[in-house]
Amino acid sequence: MTTTRQWLIAGRPRGRPVQDSDFELVTRELPPPAPGQMLLRTHYLGFDPAQKGWMENIADYVAPTEIGEVMRGSGISEVIESNQAKFPVGTMVIGSTGWTEYHLSDGEGLVPCDPELPPTAMMSVLGTTGLTAYCGLFKIGKPVAGDTVLVSGAAGATGSVVGQLAKIAGCRVVGIAGGADKCAWLVEEAGYDAAIDYKAGGVREAIRQHCPRGVDVIFDNVGGAILDDMLSQIATNARVVICGGISRYETGQMPAGPQNYFNLIFRRATMTGFIVLDWAAEFPVIRKRLAGFVKDGRLTYREDIQHGFENAPQTMQRLFSGANRGKQMLKL
């Protein structure tokens, strides 16, 4: 038997911030792996704003969560016992693990880590973060060289990758982020052409200043007033990509519809939401392409790694306070 600690869902944080009391830490025993199974030790956990929606049972593209079940999430794990030839002992993999120190798996949904990159890259730039950026930008946004691309939540794990991919595609890229340090990182390291600090105010005027010919592709991770400001400057035939809405988690309710939505008519534009899982069959090819960009130096990524399994709830809370810098992870 293997002893493992697990974090269970204990609350529904709808309409309020995530709290420590929304989780319960328990200790359980796992049996030895059965034929065809493996025992894995979790090394890193990954965190995304969508996890709060899962706890609230608002996101209907995943099965409902139950009070008392292991908190859902992705992780990077090491195979320490194996009854599968495909995954020998020592293999590092990424997949849906939940918040647990050890777990059993039959291998379904697990992807081996790229041996030429740090394992954490599989959680960030090659994980859901990078895949979401790639699919949203190229499948929905369809940028062409010379386009102006505007990204909200630009210093976040997804937004920072979106901007760099748009630069690779030959676009002019402007980001919106909170704070001078995040804006400086976007321009100096992530290669954005310009960055707008929404905390400084005057977002709409700043968009006009940095996007004088209009915005061809909007990639929105925020929603609310920021999306409204971005829609005010769309170009003819613009594509608006709706990826997420971090503002919803701050207000505790769905954001109001944008007042500038009629610009979609005036500019003959489109606004489309998406779920990255729709392109799951293409993930291996996309991961290979993203890895190539990282290895040849055209794509950088930022990771925020906290430490200690007991700090999982506090690590998740960092997503909603703006404390994280890049992909939020926890090293066990």
Protein backbone atom coordinates (compact mmCIF):
# COMPACT_ATOMS: atom_id res chain seq x y z
CA MET A 1 0.00 0.00 0.00
CA THR A 2 1.11 3.55 -0.76
CA THR A 3 0.16 6.43 1.51
CA THR A 4 -0.81 9.62 -0.28
CA ARG A 5 -2.20 12.99 0.67
CA GLN A 6 -5.04 14.39 -1.40
CA TRP A 7 -6.95 17.68 -1.53
CA LEU A 8 -10.72 17.21 -1.78
CA ILE A 9 -13.37 19.72 -2.90
CA ALA A 10 -15.18 21.00 0.19
CA GLY A 11 -16.95 24.13 -1.07
CA ARG A 12 -18.60 25.90 -3.99
CA PRO A 13 -16.88 29.31 -4.40
CA ARG A 14 -19.60 30.76 -6.63
CA GLY A 15 -19.89 34.51 -6.23
CA ARG A 16 -16.83 34.84 -4.00
CA PRO A 17 -13.06 34.24 -4.03
CA VAL A 18 -11.61 30.76 -3.54
CA GLN A 19 -10.86 30.15 0.15
CA ASP A 20 -8.77 27.62 2.05
CA SER A 21 -12.00 26.20 3.49
CA ASP A 22 -13.10 25.17 -0.02
CA PHE A 23 -10.64 22.27 0.23
CA GLU A 24 -10.01 19.43 2.68
CA LEU A 25 -6.63 17.70 3.05
CA VAL A 26 -6.88 13.95 3.67
CA THR A 27 -4.54 10.96 3.79
CA ARG A 28 -5.45 7.75 1.99
CA GLU A 29 -3.95 4.38 1.07
CA LEU A 30 -3.54 3.28 -2.54
CA PRO A 31 -3.37 -0.41 -3.45
CA PRO A 32 -0.50 -1.77 -5.57
CA PRO A 33 -0.96 -1.23 -9.32
CA ALA A 34 -3.11 -3.92 -10.94
CA PRO A 35 -2.18 -5.58 -14.24
CA GLY A 36 -2.00 -2.87 -16.89
CA GLN A 37 -1.71 -0.12 -14.28
CA MET A 38 1.09 2.14 -13.03
CA LEU A 39 1.81 3.92 -9.78
CA LEU A 40 2.93 7.49 -10.34
CA ARG A 41 4.38 10.14 -8.05
CA THR A 42 3.25 13.71 -8.78
CA HIS A 43 6.11 16.20 -9.09
CA TYR A 44 4.21 19.32 -10.24
CA LEU A 45 0.60 20.48 -10.28
CA GLY A 46 -0.73 23.04 -12.76
CA PHE A 47 -3.35 25.71 -12.05
CA ASP A 48 -5.81 27.47 -14.37
CA PRO A 49 -8.68 29.91 -13.72
CA ALA A 50 -11.08 27.38 -15.26
CA GLN A 51 -10.67 25.18 -12.18
CA LYS A 52 -12.80 27.59 -10.17
CA GLY A 53 -15.56 27.18 -12.77
CA TRP A 54 -15.26 23.42 -12.38
CA MET A 55 -15.75 23.74 -8.62
CA GLU A 56 -18.78 25.96 -9.19
CA ASN A 57 -20.21 23.51 -11.75
CA ILE A 58 -20.60 26.39 -14.20
CA ALA A 59 -18.42 24.89 -16.94
CA ASP A 60 -20.65 22.45 -18.80
CA TYR A 61 -17.92 21.10 -21.09
CA VAL A 62 -16.65 18.93 -18.23
CA ALA A 63 -18.51 16.53 -15.96
CA PRO A 64 -19.95 18.09 -12.78
CA THR A 65 -17.76 17.98 -9.70
CA GLU A 66 -18.92 16.56 -6.39
CA ILE A 67 -18.17 17.67 -2.85
CA GLY A 68 -15.65 15.19 -1.45
CA GLU A 69 -13.99 14.25 -4.73
CA VAL A 70 -10.31 14.87 -5.40
CA MET A 71 -9.79 18.36 -6.76
CA ARG A 72 -9.27 18.13 -10.50
CA GLY A 73 -6.14 19.37 -12.21
CA SER A 74 -3.24 18.47 -14.43
CA GLY A 75 0.11 17.27 -13.19
CA ILE A 76 3.56 16.14 -14.16
CA SER A 77 4.26 12.71 -12.70
CA GLU A 78 6.98 10.08 -12.62
CA VAL A 79 6.25 6.39 -13.11
CA ILE A 80 7.61 4.58 -10.04
CA GLU A 81 5.93 1.18 -10.55
CA SER A 82 4.73 -0.08 -13.91
CA ASN A 83 2.79 -2.96 -15.38
CA GLN A 84 2.84 -1.30 -18.79
CA ALA A 85 5.61 -1.67 -21.37
CA LYS A 86 4.74 1.73 -22.89
CA PHE A 87 5.55 3.54 -19.65
CA PRO A 88 8.66 2.06 -17.98
CA VAL A 89 9.74 3.11 -14.50
CA GLY A 90 11.29 6.58 -14.55
CA THR A 91 9.13 7.94 -17.39
CA MET A 92 7.96 11.51 -16.84
CA VAL A 93 4.42 12.16 -18.09
CA ILE A 94 1.77 14.86 -18.05
CA GLY A 95 -1.94 14.29 -17.71
CA SER A 96 -5.00 14.79 -15.55
CA THR A 97 -3.93 13.67 -12.10
CA GLY A 98 -5.95 15.66 -9.59
CA TRP A 99 -4.46 17.17 -6.45
CA THR A 100 -2.75 14.06 -5.12
CA GLU A 101 0.82 13.07 -4.26
CA TYR A 102 0.52 9.58 -5.76
CA HIS A 103 -2.01 8.12 -8.17
CA LEU A 104 -2.79 4.99 -10.15
CA SER A 105 -3.31 5.09 -13.93
CA ASP A 106 -3.81 2.78 -16.86
CA GLY A 107 -1.99 5.29 -19.07
CA GLU A 108 -5.04 6.75 -20.79
CA GLY A 109 -4.55 10.44 -21.47
CA LEU A 110 -0.93 10.49 -20.32
CA VAL A 111 1.68 12.08 -22.60
CA PRO A 112 5.45 11.54 -22.15
CA CYS A 113 7.42 14.72 -21.51
CA ASP A 114 9.77 16.03 -24.18
CA PRO A 115 13.24 14.82 -23.05
CA GLU A 116 14.93 17.83 -24.65
CA LEU A 117 13.04 20.37 -22.52
CA PRO A 118 12.43 20.75 -18.78
CA PRO A 119 9.42 18.68 -17.67
CA THR A 120 7.58 21.84 -16.62
CA ALA A 121 7.47 22.94 -20.27
CA MET A 122 4.86 20.23 -20.80
CA MET A 123 2.64 22.03 -18.29
CA SER A 124 3.15 25.51 -19.67
CA VAL A 125 4.18 26.24 -23.23
CA LEU A 126 3.57 22.68 -24.47
CA GLY A 127 0.58 22.04 -22.21
CA THR A 128 -2.97 23.33 -22.20
CA THR A 129 -1.59 26.86 -21.97
CA GLY A 130 0.36 26.71 -25.22
CA LEU A 131 -2.24 24.59 -26.98
CA THR A 132 -4.98 27.07 -26.08
CA ALA A 133 -2.90 29.97 -27.34
CA TYR A 134 -2.10 28.21 -30.61
CA CYS A 135 -5.60 26.93 -31.37
CA GLY A 136 -7.38 30.12 -30.40
CA LEU A 137 -5.05 32.31 -32.42
CA PHE A 138 -4.67 30.22 -35.57
CA LYS A 139 -7.94 28.27 -35.69
CA ILE A 140 -10.20 31.19 -34.74
CA GLY A 141 -8.16 34.38 -35.11
CA LYS A 142 -6.54 33.38 -38.41
CA PRO A 143 -3.89 36.14 -38.40
CA VAL A 144 -1.98 37.09 -41.54
CA ALA A 145 1.27 38.99 -41.80
CA GLY A 146 0.72 42.69 -41.19
CA ASP A 147 -2.33 42.25 -38.96
CA THR A 148 -2.58 44.05 -35.63
CA VAL A 149 -3.27 41.60 -32.79
CA LEU A 150 -4.49 42.83 -29.38
CA VAL A 151 -4.28 40.49 -26.39
CA SER A 152 -5.84 40.99 -22.96
CA GLY A 153 -4.36 39.20 -19.98
CA ALA A 154 -1.22 39.38 -22.09
CA ALA A 155 1.27 38.65 -19.31
CA GLY A 156 -0.55 35.50 -18.28
CA ALA A 157 0.52 32.02 -19.26
CA THR A 158 -1.74 31.89 -22.32
CA GLY A 159 -1.61 35.52 -23.36
CA SER A 160 2.17 35.71 -23.42
CA VAL A 161 2.32 32.75 -25.81
CA VAL A 162 -0.42 34.21 -28.03
CA GLY A 163 1.58 37.38 -28.60
CA GLN A 164 4.77 35.56 -29.46
CA LEU A 165 2.99 33.26 -31.91
CA ALA A 166 1.42 36.31 -33.55
CA LYS A 167 4.88 37.86 -33.90
CA ILE A 168 6.14 34.65 -35.52
CA ALA A 169 3.23 35.02 -37.97
CA GLY A 170 4.43 38.52 -38.88
CA CYS A 171 1.88 40.57 -36.94
CA ARG A 172 2.08 43.74 -34.89
CA VAL A 173 1.18 42.77 -31.32
CA VAL A 174 -0.13 44.90 -28.47
CA GLY A 175 -0.81 43.51 -25.01
CA ILE A 176 -2.94 44.63 -22.07
CA ALA A 177 -1.66 43.68 -18.62
CA GLY A 178 -1.79 44.89 -15.02
CA GLY A 179 1.26 46.72 -13.73
CA ALA A 180 4.40 48.32 -15.11
CA ASP A 181 6.56 45.27 -14.45
CA LYS A 182 4.30 42.96 -16.45
CA CYS A 183 4.15 45.46 -19.31
CA ALA A 184 7.94 45.80 -19.34
CA TRP A 185 8.33 42.02 -19.50
CA LEU A 186 5.94 41.82 -22.44
CA VAL A 187 7.97 44.28 -24.50
CA GLU A 188 11.48 43.43 -23.35
CA GLU A 189 11.31 39.64 -23.20
CA ALA A 190 8.13 38.39 -24.86
CA GLY A 191 8.66 40.63 -27.90
CA TYR A 192 5.37 42.54 -27.85
CA ASP A 193 5.46 45.77 -29.87
CA ALA A 194 3.63 47.68 -27.13
CA ALA A 195 1.95 47.05 -23.80
CA ILE A 196 -0.93 48.86 -22.05
CA ASP A 197 -1.14 48.97 -18.26
CA TYR A 198 -4.86 48.80 -17.49
CA LYS A 199 -4.16 49.73 -13.87
CA ALA A 200 -2.98 53.14 -15.09
CA GLY A 201 -6.39 53.86 -16.65
CA GLY A 202 -7.21 55.24 -20.07
CA VAL A 203 -7.26 51.83 -21.73
CA ARG A 204 -9.51 52.80 -24.61
CA GLU A 205 -7.40 55.82 -25.55
CA ALA A 206 -4.20 53.77 -25.25
CA ILE A 207 -5.65 51.17 -27.65
CA ARG A 208 -6.37 53.92 -30.18
CA GLN A 209 -2.83 55.21 -29.77
CA HIS A 210 -1.13 51.84 -30.27
CA CYS A 211 -3.57 50.47 -32.86
CA PRO A 212 -4.28 53.51 -35.07
CA ARG A 213 -5.39 51.41 -38.05
CA GLY A 214 -7.69 49.28 -35.92
CA VAL A 215 -7.36 45.80 -34.47
CA ASP A 216 -7.58 42.83 -36.82
CA VAL A 217 -7.48 40.08 -34.17
CA ILE A 218 -8.55 40.37 -30.54
CA PHE A 219 -7.58 37.54 -28.20
CA ASP A 220 -9.56 38.11 -25.00
CA ASN A 221 -8.77 36.43 -21.68
CA VAL A 222 -10.51 38.98 -19.46
CA GLY A 223 -13.99 39.99 -20.63
CA GLY A 224 -16.00 42.77 -19.01
CA ALA A 225 -14.91 46.38 -19.45
CA ILE A 226 -11.58 45.43 -21.06
CA LEU A 227 -13.33 43.54 -23.85
CA ASP A 228 -15.65 46.52 -24.35
CA ASP A 229 -12.63 48.81 -24.74
CA MET A 230 -11.01 46.46 -27.25
CA LEU A 231 -14.15 46.19 -29.38
CA SER A 232 -14.18 49.97 -29.74
CA GLN A 233 -11.17 49.81 -32.06
CA ILE A 234 -11.75 46.75 -34.25
CA ALA A 235 -10.89 46.94 -37.93
CA THR A 236 -13.08 45.83 -40.83
CA ASN A 237 -13.39 42.03 -40.93
CA ALA A 238 -11.81 41.70 -37.46
CA ARG A 239 -11.84 38.36 -35.67
CA VAL A 240 -12.55 38.44 -31.93
CA VAL A 241 -11.39 35.32 -30.08
CA ILE A 242 -13.07 34.74 -26.71
CA CYS A 243 -10.79 32.50 -24.66
CA GLY A 244 -11.72 33.28 -21.06
CA GLY A 245 -13.04 35.86 -18.65
CA ILE A 246 -10.90 36.34 -15.55
CA SER A 247 -13.09 39.34 -14.69
CA ARG A 248 -15.98 36.93 -14.05
CA TYR A 249 -14.07 35.29 -11.24
CA GLU A 250 -13.34 38.68 -9.67
CA THR A 251 -16.97 39.83 -9.70
CA GLY A 252 -18.52 36.46 -8.89
CA GLN A 253 -21.02 36.69 -11.74
CA MET A 254 -21.10 36.55 -15.49
CA PRO A 255 -19.79 39.81 -16.99
CA ALA A 256 -22.27 42.12 -18.67
CA GLY A 257 -22.37 41.98 -22.45
CA PRO A 258 -20.10 44.55 -24.13
CA GLN A 259 -21.74 47.85 -25.04
CA ASN A 260 -19.64 48.03 -28.20
CA TYR A 261 -20.89 44.76 -29.65
CA PHE A 262 -22.62 46.67 -32.47
CA ASN A 263 -19.16 47.37 -33.86
CA LEU A 264 -19.26 43.74 -35.00
CA ILE A 265 -21.92 44.86 -37.47
CA PHE A 266 -20.29 48.13 -38.48
CA ARG A 267 -16.94 46.38 -39.08
CA ARG A 268 -18.37 43.13 -40.46
CA ALA A 269 -16.46 41.33 -37.71
CA THR A 270 -16.90 37.99 -35.98
CA MET A 271 -16.69 37.07 -32.29
CA THR A 272 -16.17 33.39 -31.48
CA GLY A 273 -15.70 31.40 -28.30
CA PHE A 274 -13.82 28.12 -28.24
CA ILE A 275 -12.75 25.16 -26.10
CA VAL A 276 -9.29 23.88 -26.91
CA LEU A 277 -10.38 20.24 -26.51
CA ASP A 278 -12.11 20.53 -29.88
CA TRP A 279 -8.68 20.11 -31.52
CA ALA A 280 -7.38 17.34 -29.27
CA ALA A 281 -6.61 15.13 -32.28
CA GLU A 282 -4.09 17.75 -33.45
CA PHE A 283 -2.33 18.21 -30.11
CA PRO A 284 0.69 15.99 -30.93
CA VAL A 285 1.44 17.95 -34.10
CA ILE A 286 0.88 21.31 -32.40
CA ARG A 287 3.10 20.34 -29.46
CA LYS A 288 5.87 19.41 -31.87
CA ARG A 289 5.55 22.77 -33.60
CA LEU A 290 5.58 24.69 -30.32
CA ALA A 291 8.60 22.72 -29.11
CA GLY A 292 10.42 23.66 -32.28
CA PHE A 293 9.75 27.36 -31.63
CA VAL A 294 11.09 27.00 -28.08
CA LYS A 295 14.21 25.14 -29.15
CA ASP A 296 15.11 27.63 -31.87
CA GLY A 297 14.65 30.57 -29.48
CA ARG A 298 11.56 32.13 -31.05
CA LEU A 299 9.23 31.30 -28.16
CA THR A 300 9.95 32.02 -24.51
CA TYR A 301 7.76 31.20 -21.56
CA ARG A 302 7.42 32.18 -17.94
CA GLU A 303 6.69 29.90 -15.00
CA ASP A 304 5.61 30.75 -11.47
CA ILE A 305 6.48 27.76 -9.30
CA GLN A 306 5.37 27.62 -5.66
CA HIS A 307 6.44 24.83 -3.31
CA GLY A 308 4.80 22.33 -0.97
CA PHE A 309 1.71 20.17 -1.51
CA GLU A 310 0.10 21.70 1.57
CA ASN A 311 0.09 25.06 -0.25
CA ALA A 312 -2.12 23.97 -3.17
CA PRO A 313 -5.15 26.12 -2.17
CA GLN A 314 -3.01 29.23 -1.70
CA THR A 315 -1.31 28.60 -5.03
CA MET A 316 -4.66 28.51 -6.80
CA GLN A 317 -5.66 31.78 -5.15
CA ARG A 318 -2.65 33.50 -6.76
CA LEU A 319 -4.40 33.23 -10.13
CA PHE A 320 -7.16 35.57 -9.00
CA SER A 321 -5.08 38.10 -7.10
CA GLY A 322 -2.73 38.80 -10.02
CA ALA A 323 0.24 37.54 -8.00
CA ASN A 324 1.35 34.90 -10.49
CA ARG A 325 3.87 35.60 -13.24
CA GLY A 326 3.34 33.17 -16.12
CA LYS A 327 2.07 29.62 -15.78
CA GLN A 328 1.12 28.91 -12.18
CA MET A 329 2.53 25.63 -10.87
CA LEU A 330 3.27 23.94 -7.58
CA LYS A 331 6.28 21.71 -6.96
CA LEU A 332 5.46 18.95 -4.53
